[in-house]
């Protein structure tokens, strides 16, 4: 008798076996899936094969739940999302800040002093 239920894919399936760690966000009715966009702008559900991969990509403070691949697809499909991205990596360049005396300081215009008005123009 088997006490564990396995979620092993068939050899020709492109989906992973085992639990998926899915990013969520809090909402008024509990949590909801956090959906993303692919580099081409297509909406996609995102899942990770481990919590460490999720934290490395989205940060340690990102909330998540564990779902199977079929449960994730069933949850995302009514929202019009049919694509699933597994273990994505952040591809945006690192954010750089410019020091106050750096190139951005040269682009600022010097303030012109206000010219005092003398006399009454309607005299």
C-alpha atoms as a PDB file:
ATOM      1  CA  UNK A   1       0.000   0.000   0.000  1.00  0.00           C
ATOM      2  CA  UNK A   2       1.372   3.400  -0.958  1.00  0.00           C
ATOM      3  CA  UNK A   3       1.044   6.111   1.679  1.00  0.00           C
ATOM      4  CA  UNK A   4       2.330   8.931  -0.514  1.00  0.00           C
ATOM      5  CA  UNK A   5       0.799  10.351  -3.629  1.00  0.00           C
ATOM      6  CA  UNK A   6       3.413  11.129  -6.263  1.00  0.00           C
ATOM      7  CA  UNK A   7       3.070  13.788  -8.922  1.00  0.00           C
ATOM      8  CA  UNK A   8       5.580  12.325 -11.382  1.00  0.00           C
ATOM      9  CA  UNK A   9       5.212  13.512 -14.955  1.00  0.00           C
ATOM     10  CA  UNK A  10       5.358  11.212 -17.914  1.00  0.00           C
ATOM     11  CA  UNK A  11       8.727  11.204 -19.725  1.00  0.00           C
ATOM     12  CA  UNK A  12       7.419  13.343 -22.595  1.00  0.00           C
ATOM     13  CA  UNK A  13       5.808  15.954 -20.320  1.00  0.00           C
ATOM     14  CA  UNK A  14       7.603  19.296 -19.974  1.00  0.00           C
ATOM     15  CA  UNK A  15       6.378  19.961 -16.435  1.00  0.00           C
ATOM     16  CA  UNK A  16       8.286  19.350 -13.221  1.00  0.00           C
ATOM     17  CA  UNK A  17       7.436  16.715 -10.683  1.00  0.00           C
ATOM     18  CA  UNK A  18       6.777  17.742  -7.134  1.00  0.00           C
ATOM     19  CA  UNK A  19       5.556  20.886  -5.412  1.00  0.00           C
ATOM     20  CA  UNK A  20       5.858  24.365  -6.902  1.00  0.00           C
ATOM     21  CA  UNK A  21       6.446  27.478  -4.818  1.00  0.00           C
ATOM     22  CA  UNK A  22       4.149  30.169  -6.191  1.00  0.00           C
ATOM     23  CA  UNK A  23       4.432  33.881  -5.311  1.00  0.00           C
ATOM     24  CA  UNK A  24       1.242  35.413  -3.924  1.00  0.00           C
ATOM     25  CA  UNK A  25       0.136  38.749  -2.555  1.00  0.00           C
ATOM     26  CA  UNK A  26      -2.259  39.428   0.296  1.00  0.00           C
ATOM     27  CA  UNK A  27      -5.732  40.597  -0.546  1.00  0.00           C
ATOM     28  CA  UNK A  28      -9.109  41.184   1.078  1.00  0.00           C
ATOM     29  CA  UNK A  29     -10.163  37.563   0.533  1.00  0.00           C
ATOM     30  CA  UNK A  30      -6.867  35.936   1.530  1.00  0.00           C
ATOM     31  CA  UNK A  31      -4.075  35.632  -1.010  1.00  0.00           C
ATOM     32  CA  UNK A  32      -4.051  35.880  -4.792  1.00  0.00           C
ATOM     33  CA  UNK A  33      -1.597  34.751  -7.434  1.00  0.00           C
ATOM     34  CA  UNK A  34       1.071  37.219  -8.336  1.00  0.00           C
ATOM     35  CA  UNK A  35       1.105  37.283 -12.142  1.00  0.00           C
ATOM     36  CA  UNK A  36       3.980  38.565 -14.254  1.00  0.00           C
ATOM     37  CA  UNK A  37       4.733  39.396 -17.877  1.00  0.00           C
ATOM     38  CA  UNK A  38       7.211  37.636 -20.118  1.00  0.00           C
ATOM     39  CA  UNK A  39       9.875  39.703 -21.927  1.00  0.00           C
ATOM     40  CA  UNK A  40       7.440  39.856 -24.856  1.00  0.00           C
ATOM     41  CA  UNK A  41       4.618  41.163 -22.654  1.00  0.00           C
ATOM     42  CA  UNK A  42       2.545  37.971 -22.364  1.00  0.00           C
ATOM     43  CA  UNK A  43       0.937  37.423 -18.944  1.00  0.00           C
ATOM     44  CA  UNK A  44       2.365  34.404 -17.181  1.00  0.00           C
ATOM     45  CA  UNK A  45       2.014  32.543 -13.923  1.00  0.00           C
ATOM     46  CA  UNK A  46       5.376  32.058 -12.217  1.00  0.00           C
ATOM     47  CA  UNK A  47       6.509  29.124 -10.090  1.00  0.00           C
ATOM     48  CA  UNK A  48       9.748  28.000  -8.495  1.00  0.00           C
ATOM     49  CA  UNK A  49      11.002  24.504  -7.720  1.00  0.00           C
ATOM     50  CA  UNK A  50      12.307  25.595  -4.316  1.00  0.00           C
ATOM     51  CA  UNK A  51      11.782  28.396  -1.800  1.00  0.00           C
ATOM     52  CA  UNK A  52      15.464  29.421  -2.032  1.00  0.00           C
ATOM     53  CA  UNK A  53      15.094  30.080  -5.775  1.00  0.00           C
ATOM     54  CA  UNK A  54      11.968  32.155  -5.145  1.00  0.00           C
ATOM     55  CA  UNK A  55      13.732  34.220  -2.454  1.00  0.00           C
ATOM     56  CA  UNK A  56      16.808  34.721  -4.641  1.00  0.00           C
ATOM     57  CA  UNK A  57      14.674  36.139  -7.455  1.00  0.00           C
ATOM     58  CA  UNK A  58      11.873  38.013  -5.665  1.00  0.00           C
ATOM     59  CA  UNK A  59      13.378  38.673  -2.236  1.00  0.00           C
ATOM     60  CA  UNK A  60      13.091  37.026   1.147  1.00  0.00           C
ATOM     61  CA  UNK A  61       9.929  38.963   1.998  1.00  0.00           C
ATOM     62  CA  UNK A  62       7.913  37.569  -0.915  1.00  0.00           C
ATOM     63  CA  UNK A  63       4.922  35.528   0.302  1.00  0.00           C
ATOM     64  CA  UNK A  64       4.354  32.162  -1.378  1.00  0.00           C
ATOM     65  CA  UNK A  65       2.172  29.065  -1.320  1.00  0.00           C
ATOM     66  CA  UNK A  66       2.822  25.506  -2.470  1.00  0.00           C
ATOM     67  CA  UNK A  67       0.760  24.245  -5.419  1.00  0.00           C
ATOM     68  CA  UNK A  68       0.993  21.446  -7.923  1.00  0.00           C
ATOM     69  CA  UNK A  69       1.436  22.340 -11.568  1.00  0.00           C
ATOM     70  CA  UNK A  70      -2.156  21.365 -12.367  1.00  0.00           C
ATOM     71  CA  UNK A  71      -3.532  23.450  -9.473  1.00  0.00           C
ATOM     72  CA  UNK A  72      -1.521  26.484 -10.606  1.00  0.00           C
ATOM     73  CA  UNK A  73      -2.798  26.147 -14.161  1.00  0.00           C
ATOM     74  CA  UNK A  74      -6.385  25.672 -12.939  1.00  0.00           C
ATOM     75  CA  UNK A  75      -6.114  28.812 -10.810  1.00  0.00           C
ATOM     76  CA  UNK A  76      -4.555  30.974 -13.523  1.00  0.00           C
ATOM     77  CA  UNK A  77      -6.688  29.835 -16.453  1.00  0.00           C
ATOM     78  CA  UNK A  78      -9.926  31.650 -15.427  1.00  0.00           C
ATOM     79  CA  UNK A  79      -7.843  34.851 -15.360  1.00  0.00           C
ATOM     80  CA  UNK A  80      -6.910  34.337 -19.001  1.00  0.00           C
ATOM     81  CA  UNK A  81      -3.358  33.232 -18.172  1.00  0.00           C
ATOM     82  CA  UNK A  82      -2.342  30.064 -20.002  1.00  0.00           C
ATOM     83  CA  UNK A  83       1.432  30.442 -19.815  1.00  0.00           C
ATOM     84  CA  UNK A  84       3.561  29.214 -16.909  1.00  0.00           C
ATOM     85  CA  UNK A  85       7.185  30.240 -16.323  1.00  0.00           C
ATOM     86  CA  UNK A  86       9.281  27.951 -14.152  1.00  0.00           C
ATOM     87  CA  UNK A  87      12.300  29.220 -12.165  1.00  0.00           C
ATOM     88  CA  UNK A  88      12.678  32.601 -13.889  1.00  0.00           C
ATOM     89  CA  UNK A  89      15.647  34.795 -13.071  1.00  0.00           C
ATOM     90  CA  UNK A  90      15.639  38.540 -12.723  1.00  0.00           C
ATOM     91  CA  UNK A  91      17.062  39.985 -15.926  1.00  0.00           C
ATOM     92  CA  UNK A  92      16.763  43.692 -15.241  1.00  0.00           C
ATOM     93  CA  UNK A  93      20.018  45.632 -14.900  1.00  0.00           C
ATOM     94  CA  UNK A  94      21.058  46.674 -11.420  1.00  0.00           C
ATOM     95  CA  UNK A  95      19.715  50.025 -10.261  1.00  0.00           C
ATOM     96  CA  UNK A  96      22.370  52.742 -10.176  1.00  0.00           C
ATOM     97  CA  UNK A  97      22.104  55.948  -8.245  1.00  0.00           C
ATOM     98  CA  UNK A  98      23.866  59.164  -9.181  1.00  0.00           C
ATOM     99  CA  UNK A  99      25.688  61.160  -6.543  1.00  0.00           C
ATOM    100  CA  UNK A 100      24.423  64.757  -6.046  1.00  0.00           C
ATOM    101  CA  UNK A 101      27.634  66.131  -7.531  1.00  0.00           C
ATOM    102  CA  UNK A 102      27.583  63.658 -10.450  1.00  0.00           C
ATOM    103  CA  UNK A 103      26.375  64.114 -14.034  1.00  0.00           C
ATOM    104  CA  UNK A 104      22.786  64.826 -12.960  1.00  0.00           C
ATOM    105  CA  UNK A 105      23.971  67.955 -11.108  1.00  0.00           C
ATOM    106  CA  UNK A 106      25.237  69.392 -14.390  1.00  0.00           C
ATOM    107  CA  UNK A 107      21.786  69.047 -15.955  1.00  0.00           C
ATOM    108  CA  UNK A 108      20.093  71.159 -13.311  1.00  0.00           C
ATOM    109  CA  UNK A 109      19.530  74.770 -14.206  1.00  0.00           C
ATOM    110  CA  UNK A 110      20.825  77.323 -11.773  1.00  0.00           C
ATOM    111  CA  UNK A 111      18.055  79.133 -10.001  1.00  0.00           C
ATOM    112  CA  UNK A 112      17.529  82.660 -11.248  1.00  0.00           C
ATOM    113  CA  UNK A 113      16.888  85.193  -8.544  1.00  0.00           C
ATOM    114  CA  UNK A 114      13.491  86.818  -8.586  1.00  0.00           C
ATOM    115  CA  UNK A 115      13.624  90.320 -10.015  1.00  0.00           C
ATOM    116  CA  UNK A 116      11.943  92.787  -7.652  1.00  0.00           C
ATOM    117  CA  UNK A 117       9.189  94.811  -9.282  1.00  0.00           C
ATOM    118  CA  UNK A 118       9.518  98.499  -8.767  1.00  0.00           C
ATOM    119  CA  UNK A 119       6.667 100.913  -9.096  1.00  0.00           C
ATOM    120  CA  UNK A 120       3.101 100.424 -10.114  1.00  0.00           C
ATOM    121  CA  UNK A 121       2.485  99.403 -13.717  1.00  0.00           C
ATOM    122  CA  UNK A 122      -0.970 101.006 -13.798  1.00  0.00           C
ATOM    123  CA  UNK A 123       0.025 104.563 -12.895  1.00  0.00           C
END
